[in-house]
Each structure stands twice: as structure tokens, then as C-alpha cells.
C-alpha atoms as a PDB file:
ATOM      1  CA  UNK A   1     -99.522 100.734-147.387  1.00  0.00           C
ATOM      2  CA  UNK A   2    -100.054  99.483-143.844  1.00  0.00           C
ATOM      3  CA  UNK A   3    -103.667  98.700-142.916  1.00  0.00           C
ATOM      4  CA  UNK A   4    -104.970 100.580-139.880  1.00  0.00           C
ATOM      5  CA  UNK A   5    -105.680  98.400-136.873  1.00  0.00           C
ATOM      6  CA  UNK A   6    -109.270  98.179-135.680  1.00  0.00           C
ATOM      7  CA  UNK A   7    -110.546  97.472-132.191  1.00  0.00           C
ATOM      8  CA  UNK A   8    -112.756  94.511-131.300  1.00  0.00           C
ATOM      9  CA  UNK A   9    -114.470  93.488-128.075  1.00  0.00           C
ATOM     10  CA  UNK A  10    -114.234  89.903-126.856  1.00  0.00           C
ATOM     11  CA  UNK A  11    -116.191  88.690-123.865  1.00  0.00           C
ATOM     12  CA  UNK A  12    -116.349  85.130-122.648  1.00  0.00           C
ATOM     13  CA  UNK A  13    -117.981  83.373-119.722  1.00  0.00           C
ATOM     14  CA  UNK A  14    -115.907  81.058-117.540  1.00  0.00           C
ATOM     15  CA  UNK A  15    -117.570  77.772-116.578  1.00  0.00           C
ATOM     16  CA  UNK A  16    -114.565  76.460-114.658  1.00  0.00           C
ATOM     17  CA  UNK A  17    -111.683  78.768-113.827  1.00  0.00           C
ATOM     18  CA  UNK A  18    -108.940  76.185-114.216  1.00  0.00           C
ATOM     19  CA  UNK A  19    -105.218  77.103-114.033  1.00  0.00           C
ATOM     20  CA  UNK A  20    -103.855  78.285-117.361  1.00  0.00           C
ATOM     21  CA  UNK A  21    -107.227  79.254-118.838  1.00  0.00           C
ATOM     22  CA  UNK A  22    -106.298  82.881-119.480  1.00  0.00           C
ATOM     23  CA  UNK A  23    -102.953  81.705-120.840  1.00  0.00           C
ATOM     24  CA  UNK A  24    -104.732  79.513-123.391  1.00  0.00           C
ATOM     25  CA  UNK A  25    -106.814  82.461-124.604  1.00  0.00           C
ATOM     26  CA  UNK A  26    -103.769  84.741-124.703  1.00  0.00           C
ATOM     27  CA  UNK A  27    -101.812  82.114-126.658  1.00  0.00           C
ATOM     28  CA  UNK A  28    -104.507  81.973-129.344  1.00  0.00           C
ATOM     29  CA  UNK A  29    -104.511  85.757-129.595  1.00  0.00           C
ATOM     30  CA  UNK A  30    -100.727  85.784-129.836  1.00  0.00           C
ATOM     31  CA  UNK A  31    -100.711  83.075-132.501  1.00  0.00           C
ATOM     32  CA  UNK A  32    -103.041  85.238-134.613  1.00  0.00           C
ATOM     33  CA  UNK A  33    -100.986  88.402-133.906  1.00  0.00           C
ATOM     34  CA  UNK A  34    -103.999  90.028-132.286  1.00  0.00           C
ATOM     35  CA  UNK A  35    -102.947  92.584-129.683  1.00  0.00           C
ATOM     36  CA  UNK A  36    -104.596  92.775-126.262  1.00  0.00           C
ATOM     37  CA  UNK A  37    -105.259  96.432-125.387  1.00  0.00           C
ATOM     38  CA  UNK A  38    -107.274  95.999-122.174  1.00  0.00           C
ATOM     39  CA  UNK A  39    -108.473  93.046-120.127  1.00  0.00           C
ATOM     40  CA  UNK A  40    -110.785  93.040-117.126  1.00  0.00           C
ATOM     41  CA  UNK A  41    -113.300  90.943-115.245  1.00  0.00           C
ATOM     42  CA  UNK A  42    -116.850  92.063-115.933  1.00  0.00           C
ATOM     43  CA  UNK A  43    -119.634  92.105-113.349  1.00  0.00           C
ATOM     44  CA  UNK A  44    -123.379  92.166-113.866  1.00  0.00           C
ATOM     45  CA  UNK A  45    -125.311  95.406-113.436  1.00  0.00           C
ATOM     46  CA  UNK A  46    -126.249  94.391-109.877  1.00  0.00           C
ATOM     47  CA  UNK A  47    -122.679  93.668-108.854  1.00  0.00           C
ATOM     48  CA  UNK A  48    -122.916  89.874-108.940  1.00  0.00           C
ATOM     49  CA  UNK A  49    -119.865  88.393-110.607  1.00  0.00           C
ATOM     50  CA  UNK A  50    -120.908  86.464-113.692  1.00  0.00           C
ATOM     51  CA  UNK A  51    -117.454  84.924-114.120  1.00  0.00           C
ATOM     52  CA  UNK A  52    -117.038  86.840-117.327  1.00  0.00           C
ATOM     53  CA  UNK A  53    -113.894  88.358-118.739  1.00  0.00           C
ATOM     54  CA  UNK A  54    -113.810  91.203-121.261  1.00  0.00           C
ATOM     55  CA  UNK A  55    -110.953  92.049-123.604  1.00  0.00           C
ATOM     56  CA  UNK A  56    -110.410  94.941-125.956  1.00  0.00           C
ATOM     57  CA  UNK A  57    -108.169  93.701-128.778  1.00  0.00           C
ATOM     58  CA  UNK A  58    -106.758  95.116-132.008  1.00  0.00           C
ATOM     59  CA  UNK A  59    -105.938  93.670-135.407  1.00  0.00           C
ATOM     60  CA  UNK A  60    -105.539  94.891-138.967  1.00  0.00           C
ATOM     61  CA  UNK A  61    -107.300  91.844-140.438  1.00  0.00           C
ATOM     62  CA  UNK A  62    -110.997  91.199-139.792  1.00  0.00           C
ATOM     63  CA  UNK A  63    -110.610  87.611-141.008  1.00  0.00           C
ATOM     64  CA  UNK A  64    -108.449  86.921-137.960  1.00  0.00           C
ATOM     65  CA  UNK A  65    -111.444  87.793-135.769  1.00  0.00           C
ATOM     66  CA  UNK A  66    -113.557  85.177-137.553  1.00  0.00           C
ATOM     67  CA  UNK A  67    -110.798  82.628-137.027  1.00  0.00           C
ATOM     68  CA  UNK A  68    -110.470  83.684-133.389  1.00  0.00           C
ATOM     69  CA  UNK A  69    -114.128  82.943-132.789  1.00  0.00           C
ATOM     70  CA  UNK A  70    -113.752  79.475-134.306  1.00  0.00           C
ATOM     71  CA  UNK A  71    -110.666  78.656-132.242  1.00  0.00           C
ATOM     72  CA  UNK A  72    -112.169  79.868-128.972  1.00  0.00           C
ATOM     73  CA  UNK A  73    -115.074  77.469-129.446  1.00  0.00           C
ATOM     74  CA  UNK A  74    -112.532  74.677-128.954  1.00  0.00           C
ATOM     75  CA  UNK A  75    -111.259  76.038-125.617  1.00  0.00           C
ATOM     76  CA  UNK A  76    -112.720  74.047-122.741  1.00  0.00           C
ATOM     77  CA  UNK A  77    -114.546  75.699-119.839  1.00  0.00           C
ATOM     78  CA  UNK A  78    -115.456  78.951-121.622  1.00  0.00           C
ATOM     79  CA  UNK A  79    -118.249  80.238-123.866  1.00  0.00           C
ATOM     80  CA  UNK A  80    -117.810  83.281-126.093  1.00  0.00           C
ATOM     81  CA  UNK A  81    -120.622  85.771-125.403  1.00  0.00           C
ATOM     82  CA  UNK A  82    -119.530  88.741-127.502  1.00  0.00           C
ATOM     83  CA  UNK A  83    -117.063  89.177-130.353  1.00  0.00           C
ATOM     84  CA  UNK A  84    -117.731  92.403-132.203  1.00  0.00           C
ATOM     85  CA  UNK A  85    -116.546  95.919-132.834  1.00  0.00           C
ATOM     86  CA  UNK A  86    -116.937  97.650-129.475  1.00  0.00           C
ATOM     87  CA  UNK A  87    -119.992  99.667-128.533  1.00  0.00           C
ATOM     88  CA  UNK A  88    -119.873 102.422-125.920  1.00  0.00           C
ATOM     89  CA  UNK A  89    -121.176  99.932-123.366  1.00  0.00           C
ATOM     90  CA  UNK A  90    -118.449  97.426-124.273  1.00  0.00           C
ATOM     91  CA  UNK A  91    -115.714 100.026-123.813  1.00  0.00           C
ATOM     92  CA  UNK A  92    -117.068 101.023-120.414  1.00  0.00           C
ATOM     93  CA  UNK A  93    -117.572  97.410-119.301  1.00  0.00           C
ATOM     94  CA  UNK A  94    -113.926  96.528-119.930  1.00  0.00           C
ATOM     95  CA  UNK A  95    -112.728  99.859-118.513  1.00  0.00           C
ATOM     96  CA  UNK A  96    -114.730  99.770-115.288  1.00  0.00           C
ATOM     97  CA  UNK A  97    -115.341  96.049-114.924  1.00  0.00           C
ATOM     98  CA  UNK A  98    -119.127  96.310-114.822  1.00  0.00           C
ATOM     99  CA  UNK A  99    -122.135  96.786-117.024  1.00  0.00           C
ATOM    100  CA  UNK A 100    -124.226  99.942-117.055  1.00  0.00           C
ATOM    101  CA  UNK A 101    -127.835  99.424-116.031  1.00  0.00           C
ATOM    102  CA  UNK A 102    -130.146  99.769-119.006  1.00  0.00           C
ATOM    103  CA  UNK A 103    -133.937  99.897-119.069  1.00  0.00           C
ATOM    104  CA  UNK A 104    -135.358  96.550-120.164  1.00  0.00           C
ATOM    105  CA  UNK A 105    -138.063  98.113-122.335  1.00  0.00           C
ATOM    106  CA  UNK A 106    -136.513 101.403-123.475  1.00  0.00           C
ATOM    107  CA  UNK A 107    -132.964 100.605-124.583  1.00  0.00           C
ATOM    108  CA  UNK A 108    -132.151 104.335-124.819  1.00  0.00           C
ATOM    109  CA  UNK A 109    -132.506 104.785-121.054  1.00  0.00           C
ATOM    110  CA  UNK A 110    -129.468 104.257-118.804  1.00  0.00           C
ATOM    111  CA  UNK A 111    -129.478 104.416-115.005  1.00  0.00           C
ATOM    112  CA  UNK A 112    -126.748 105.572-112.626  1.00  0.00           C
ATOM    113  CA  UNK A 113    -126.471 106.380-108.932  1.00  0.00           C
ATOM    114  CA  UNK A 114    -124.354 109.169-107.518  1.00  0.00           C
ATOM    115  CA  UNK A 115    -121.480 106.919-106.437  1.00  0.00           C
ATOM    116  CA  UNK A 116    -121.150 105.876-110.092  1.00  0.00           C
ATOM    117  CA  UNK A 117    -120.557 109.405-111.385  1.00  0.00           C
ATOM    118  CA  UNK A 118    -117.118 108.397-112.668  1.00  0.00           C
ATOM    119  CA  UNK A 119    -118.732 105.788-114.924  1.00  0.00           C
ATOM    120  CA  UNK A 120    -121.416 108.281-115.958  1.00  0.00           C
ATOM    121  CA  UNK A 121    -118.810 110.870-116.943  1.00  0.00           C
ATOM    122  CA  UNK A 122    -116.991 108.295-119.065  1.00  0.00           C
ATOM    123  CA  UNK A 123    -120.275 107.220-120.669  1.00  0.00           C
ATOM    124  CA  UNK A 124    -121.248 110.771-121.601  1.00  0.00           C
ATOM    125  CA  UNK A 125    -117.732 111.589-122.795  1.00  0.00           C
ATOM    126  CA  UNK A 126    -117.862 108.672-125.251  1.00  0.00           C
ATOM    127  CA  UNK A 127    -121.167 110.031-126.578  1.00  0.00           C
ATOM    128  CA  UNK A 128    -119.781 113.572-126.840  1.00  0.00           C
ATOM    129  CA  UNK A 129    -116.806 112.357-128.881  1.00  0.00           C
ATOM    130  CA  UNK A 130    -119.209 111.444-131.658  1.00  0.00           C
ATOM    131  CA  UNK A 131    -119.883 114.241-134.112  1.00  0.00           C
ATOM    132  CA  UNK A 132    -123.376 115.009-135.360  1.00  0.00           C
ATOM    133  CA  UNK A 133    -126.851 115.808-134.124  1.00  0.00           C
ATOM    134  CA  UNK A 134    -127.422 114.141-130.746  1.00  0.00           C
ATOM    135  CA  UNK A 135    -130.152 114.906-128.229  1.00  0.00           C
ATOM    136  CA  UNK A 136    -129.539 113.658-124.687  1.00  0.00           C
ATOM    137  CA  UNK A 137    -131.914 113.962-121.738  1.00  0.00           C
ATOM    138  CA  UNK A 138    -130.915 113.766-118.066  1.00  0.00           C
ATOM    139  CA  UNK A 139    -133.432 113.017-115.332  1.00  0.00           C
ATOM    140  CA  UNK A 140    -132.649 113.565-111.674  1.00  0.00           C
ATOM    141  CA  UNK A 141    -133.559 115.451-108.541  1.00  0.00           C
ATOM    142  CA  UNK A 142    -131.816 118.720-107.562  1.00  0.00           C
ATOM    143  CA  UNK A 143    -128.166 118.628-106.496  1.00  0.00           C
ATOM    144  CA  UNK A 144    -127.623 115.033-107.557  1.00  0.00           C
ATOM    145  CA  UNK A 145    -124.837 116.003-109.969  1.00  0.00           C
ATOM    146  CA  UNK A 146    -126.483 116.264-113.395  1.00  0.00           C
ATOM    147  CA  UNK A 147    -124.839 119.471-114.603  1.00  0.00           C
ATOM    148  CA  UNK A 148    -121.485 118.757-112.962  1.00  0.00           C
ATOM    149  CA  UNK A 149    -121.331 115.359-114.668  1.00  0.00           C
ATOM    150  CA  UNK A 150    -122.128 116.896-118.046  1.00  0.00           C
ATOM    151  CA  UNK A 151    -119.417 119.531-117.711  1.00  0.00           C
ATOM    152  CA  UNK A 152    -116.874 116.935-116.554  1.00  0.00           C
ATOM    153  CA  UNK A 153    -117.763 114.765-119.556  1.00  0.00           C
ATOM    154  CA  UNK A 154    -117.207 117.738-121.875  1.00  0.00           C
ATOM    155  CA  UNK A 155    -113.743 118.232-120.385  1.00  0.00           C
ATOM    156  CA  UNK A 156    -112.969 114.528-120.763  1.00  0.00           C
ATOM    157  CA  UNK A 157    -114.143 114.532-124.393  1.00  0.00           C
ATOM    158  CA  UNK A 158    -112.284 117.778-125.167  1.00  0.00           C
ATOM    159  CA  UNK A 159    -115.544 119.548-126.043  1.00  0.00           C
ATOM    160  CA  UNK A 160    -116.545 123.127-125.335  1.00  0.00           C
ATOM    161  CA  UNK A 161    -119.740 123.485-123.337  1.00  0.00           C
ATOM    162  CA  UNK A 162    -122.186 126.367-123.604  1.00  0.00           C
ATOM    163  CA  UNK A 163    -125.058 126.970-121.198  1.00  0.00           C
ATOM    164  CA  UNK A 164    -128.252 128.014-122.947  1.00  0.00           C
ATOM    165  CA  UNK A 165    -130.038 127.847-119.600  1.00  0.00           C
ATOM    166  CA  UNK A 166    -128.935 126.570-116.199  1.00  0.00           C
ATOM    167  CA  UNK A 167    -129.201 126.890-112.419  1.00  0.00           C
ATOM    168  CA  UNK A 168    -125.685 125.626-111.677  1.00  0.00           C
ATOM    169  CA  UNK A 169    -124.480 128.784-109.922  1.00  0.00           C
ATOM    170  CA  UNK A 170    -127.332 131.175-110.580  1.00  0.00           C
ATOM    171  CA  UNK A 171    -130.186 131.128-113.035  1.00  0.00           C
ATOM    172  CA  UNK A 172    -128.818 131.516-116.558  1.00  0.00           C
ATOM    173  CA  UNK A 173    -131.069 132.336-119.514  1.00  0.00           C
ATOM    174  CA  UNK A 174    -129.276 133.208-122.750  1.00  0.00           C
ATOM    175  CA  UNK A 175    -130.855 135.270-125.526  1.00  0.00           C
ATOM    176  CA  UNK A 176    -128.014 135.079-128.043  1.00  0.00           C
ATOM    177  CA  UNK A 177    -124.696 133.347-128.691  1.00  0.00           C
ATOM    178  CA  UNK A 178    -121.363 134.806-129.750  1.00  0.00           C
ATOM    179  CA  UNK A 179    -119.572 133.614-132.876  1.00  0.00           C
ATOM    180  CA  UNK A 180    -117.073 131.523-130.893  1.00  0.00           C
ATOM    181  CA  UNK A 181    -119.957 129.645-129.233  1.00  0.00           C
ATOM    182  CA  UNK A 182    -121.074 128.185-132.546  1.00  0.00           C
ATOM    183  CA  UNK A 183    -119.777 125.254-134.547  1.00  0.00           C
ATOM    184  CA  UNK A 184    -118.429 121.750-134.193  1.00  0.00           C
ATOM    185  CA  UNK A 185    -116.902 120.612-130.936  1.00  0.00           C
ATOM    186  CA  UNK A 186    -119.592 122.278-128.839  1.00  0.00           C
ATOM    187  CA  UNK A 187    -122.064 120.729-126.418  1.00  0.00           C
ATOM    188  CA  UNK A 188    -125.104 122.874-125.619  1.00  0.00           C
ATOM    189  CA  UNK A 189    -126.674 122.536-122.165  1.00  0.00           C
ATOM    190  CA  UNK A 190    -130.348 123.345-121.635  1.00  0.00           C
ATOM    191  CA  UNK A 191    -132.333 123.220-118.403  1.00  0.00           C
ATOM    192  CA  UNK A 192    -135.765 121.999-119.490  1.00  0.00           C
ATOM    193  CA  UNK A 193    -137.516 123.749-116.614  1.00  0.00           C
ATOM    194  CA  UNK A 194    -135.840 127.129-116.961  1.00  0.00           C
ATOM    195  CA  UNK A 195    -136.077 127.245-120.750  1.00  0.00           C
ATOM    196  CA  UNK A 196    -139.746 126.336-120.992  1.00  0.00           C
ATOM    197  CA  UNK A 197    -141.283 127.830-117.855  1.00  0.00           C
ATOM    198  CA  UNK A 198    -139.168 130.848-116.865  1.00  0.00           C
ATOM    199  CA  UNK A 199    -137.843 132.238-120.141  1.00  0.00           C
ATOM    200  CA  UNK A 200    -138.510 135.111-122.524  1.00  0.00           C
ATOM    201  CA  UNK A 201    -139.560 134.889-126.156  1.00  0.00           C
ATOM    202  CA  UNK A 202    -136.017 135.793-127.228  1.00  0.00           C
ATOM    203  CA  UNK A 203    -134.649 132.910-125.226  1.00  0.00           C
ATOM    204  CA  UNK A 204    -137.260 130.570-126.700  1.00  0.00           C
ATOM    205  CA  UNK A 205    -136.179 131.618-130.202  1.00  0.00           C
ATOM    206  CA  UNK A 206    -132.527 130.957-129.361  1.00  0.00           C
ATOM    207  CA  UNK A 207    -133.384 127.577-127.872  1.00  0.00           C
ATOM    208  CA  UNK A 208    -135.273 126.541-131.008  1.00  0.00           C
ATOM    209  CA  UNK A 209    -132.329 127.671-133.122  1.00  0.00           C
ATOM    210  CA  UNK A 210    -129.872 125.664-131.032  1.00  0.00           C
ATOM    211  CA  UNK A 211    -132.064 122.566-131.172  1.00  0.00           C
ATOM    212  CA  UNK A 212    -131.971 122.735-134.978  1.00  0.00           C
ATOM    213  CA  UNK A 213    -128.175 122.782-135.007  1.00  0.00           C
ATOM    214  CA  UNK A 214    -126.458 119.505-136.009  1.00  0.00           C
ATOM    215  CA  UNK A 215    -124.518 119.303-132.744  1.00  0.00           C
ATOM    216  CA  UNK A 216    -124.871 117.637-129.356  1.00  0.00           C
ATOM    217  CA  UNK A 217    -127.509 119.026-127.006  1.00  0.00           C
ATOM    218  CA  UNK A 218    -128.070 117.956-123.393  1.00  0.00           C
ATOM    219  CA  UNK A 219    -131.438 118.725-121.785  1.00  0.00           C
ATOM    220  CA  UNK A 220    -131.938 118.420-118.047  1.00  0.00           C
ATOM    221  CA  UNK A 221    -135.489 117.485-116.969  1.00  0.00           C
ATOM    222  CA  UNK A 222    -136.490 116.149-120.400  1.00  0.00           C
ATOM    223  CA  UNK A 223    -139.994 115.184-119.236  1.00  0.00           C
ATOM    224  CA  UNK A 224    -140.853 118.792-118.420  1.00  0.00           C
ATOM    225  CA  UNK A 225    -139.267 119.893-121.689  1.00  0.00           C
ATOM    226  CA  UNK A 226    -141.419 117.422-123.631  1.00  0.00           C
ATOM    227  CA  UNK A 227    -144.539 118.475-121.740  1.00  0.00           C
ATOM    228  CA  UNK A 228    -144.028 122.143-122.590  1.00  0.00           C
ATOM    229  CA  UNK A 229    -142.799 121.855-126.200  1.00  0.00           C
ATOM    230  CA  UNK A 230    -143.604 120.038-129.417  1.00  0.00           C
ATOM    231  CA  UNK A 231    -140.823 117.513-128.792  1.00  0.00           C
ATOM    232  CA  UNK A 232    -141.505 113.881-127.902  1.00  0.00           C
ATOM    233  CA  UNK A 233    -139.466 111.658-125.594  1.00  0.00           C
ATOM    234  CA  UNK A 234    -138.774 109.475-128.646  1.00  0.00           C
ATOM    235  CA  UNK A 235    -136.820 112.383-130.172  1.00  0.00           C
ATOM    236  CA  UNK A 236    -134.039 111.787-127.631  1.00  0.00           C
ATOM    237  CA  UNK A 237    -131.139 109.542-128.593  1.00  0.00           C
ATOM    238  CA  UNK A 238    -130.256 108.837-124.953  1.00  0.00           C
ATOM    239  CA  UNK A 239    -132.070 109.282-121.637  1.00  0.00           C
ATOM    240  CA  UNK A 240    -129.847 109.230-118.537  1.00  0.00           C
ATOM    241  CA  UNK A 241    -131.263 108.855-115.034  1.00  0.00           C
ATOM    242  CA  UNK A 242    -129.123 109.876-112.055  1.00  0.00           C
ATOM    243  CA  UNK A 243    -130.223 109.129-108.492  1.00  0.00           C
ATOM    244  CA  UNK A 244    -128.694 109.413-105.036  1.00  0.00           C
ATOM    245  CA  UNK A 245    -129.599 105.755-104.493  1.00  0.00           C
ATOM    246  CA  UNK A 246    -131.337 103.090-106.599  1.00  0.00           C
ATOM    247  CA  UNK A 247    -134.695 103.566-104.843  1.00  0.00           C
ATOM    248  CA  UNK A 248    -134.909 107.347-105.173  1.00  0.00           C
ATOM    249  CA  UNK A 249    -138.036 108.491-107.015  1.00  0.00           C
ATOM    250  CA  UNK A 250    -137.554 111.235-109.599  1.00  0.00           C
ATOM    251  CA  UNK A 251    -140.566 113.543-109.231  1.00  0.00           C
ATOM    252  CA  UNK A 252    -141.508 116.968-110.560  1.00  0.00           C
ATOM    253  CA  UNK A 253    -144.131 117.858-107.947  1.00  0.00           C
ATOM    254  CA  UNK A 254    -142.072 120.857-106.828  1.00  0.00           C
ATOM    255  CA  UNK A 255    -142.572 122.405-110.245  1.00  0.00           C
ATOM    256  CA  UNK A 256    -146.279 122.837-109.574  1.00  0.00           C
ATOM    257  CA  UNK A 257    -145.617 124.706-106.299  1.00  0.00           C
ATOM    258  CA  UNK A 258    -143.214 127.387-107.421  1.00  0.00           C
ATOM    259  CA  UNK A 259    -140.272 125.233-108.510  1.00  0.00           C
ATOM    260  CA  UNK A 260    -138.392 126.082-105.302  1.00  0.00           C
ATOM    261  CA  UNK A 261    -136.883 122.612-105.152  1.00  0.00           C
ATOM    262  CA  UNK A 262    -135.036 123.284-108.383  1.00  0.00           C
ATOM    263  CA  UNK A 263    -133.432 126.566-107.378  1.00  0.00           C
ATOM    264  CA  UNK A 264    -129.821 126.645-106.286  1.00  0.00           C
ATOM    265  CA  UNK A 265    -129.053 128.527-103.090  1.00  0.00           C
END
């Protein structure tokens, strides 16, 4: 019986980009019958080229990966930085040629700006493809693209999305779900402001029921949600921050003055 091929992520730093360097690496991979799936230069999170190259490779023998690491140590002018089964961040780095910005202290927090929405959609889609109970929070000011990015990621991941509460087109507050809105393959979208500060008791009961389900839930404005419920920010598996520009401050002052800044026209 043929062994299924597994993917691995290889990243190395180039100290001197001499002619034939990539050919040397490719020759070693070919000698070991390791297939190259994707190859790309990888930039730092601030756009400065670190002279790094990332490769997504496949093999049916994990021992070949150990041997690969040993052989690459002998290649002059490079240093292997990563050789492992790919994480979500690895897949996106080799796909987009750059790293996603991650909070130095809270490793669950990832930062994007609006011009990076394509990367954000890919990032969320990779998360949505995973089955199981996942709680994701999205911070951002109005009209920055939070809901649109979530819906696009659902489409990319082939997941059905269901609004529990939202202000995408008009204010949506659900009190019950139909039978075809339940089960695996769904992503449930909750607006943390609408659900905790503008809802009915029936909606609150539905929201609590949805949060207990072993499926993916996305909560916009997680800080307000945490403030108004028994949940803690540590309950979230991922926190995503989306800004118009890197210096934009995410603030909830408008909430205290009638929430008008969070209403759609």
C-alpha cells in the first residue's frame, strides 16, 4: 500500500546569493525524491527582505526530512531556519512571500491593515478549514472590512456562514436557527456590540447556545463582548486586528455615546 505524502516547510536564510545556490538545494531535494510544491522569497513583517527563501515540499518518508536537514547544513552560504510540518503561518508565508505580523507578547493576536485583506482572507480560511470548537475575535473600527473578510474566508474555505447578529446591511439579531443552519461546516458570526448591548433575552439565549456548539464562531468587537459577558479574552483561540493603516487606534468610545459610529448607513 502506497504511503500518503506529507507536506513539510523548509525555510533557509541566504548569506551570499551566489550563482547556482538554488540549484544546489533543488538537487539535494531531487536526490532524495522530495517534491517541491511551492517556492517563494519571504520578507519580514515590515517588508524588509531578510534574504530568506521558503519552500513547501512533499515526501512519503519522514526520515528523508531528517536527512535533508543534515545535507543542507553542508551547503555553503545558507542557514536552515525552519524545517517542520507547516503551520498556518508557514503556508501563508510561502504563498504570499511575507510573514504575518504577530503580537510579541500575545501570540494569539495577529495584525493586518486593509491593503492586506487578501492575506487576511487566506489566513482566516485556513483556520475555518479546521474542524472543531474555535473562538475567533476580530477588532477593528467601522467599515474597515471585518465582516466582508470573514464572509470571503468562509467562501474560500467552503464553509457556510450564519449571522447570529450583524450590522453588515442592516441590524440583524437572530432569536432562533433553522435545522439547515446547524451542524459541521458552519461558521457563526456574532457582533459583540449588537449581541450584548442591543439584544433581547431570546437572542441572548440563542447566542449562549451557539457559543456552546463545537463549531467555529467569529466575534466582532471581542473586547466589548468580554466586558459584557462571563467570557475572558483568554477564551479566544485567535484575536485578529484589522486597521486602515498601521497607526490607526481601535477605540470603543462611540459605544458610550449611542454607538452611532458602529451603525451602517
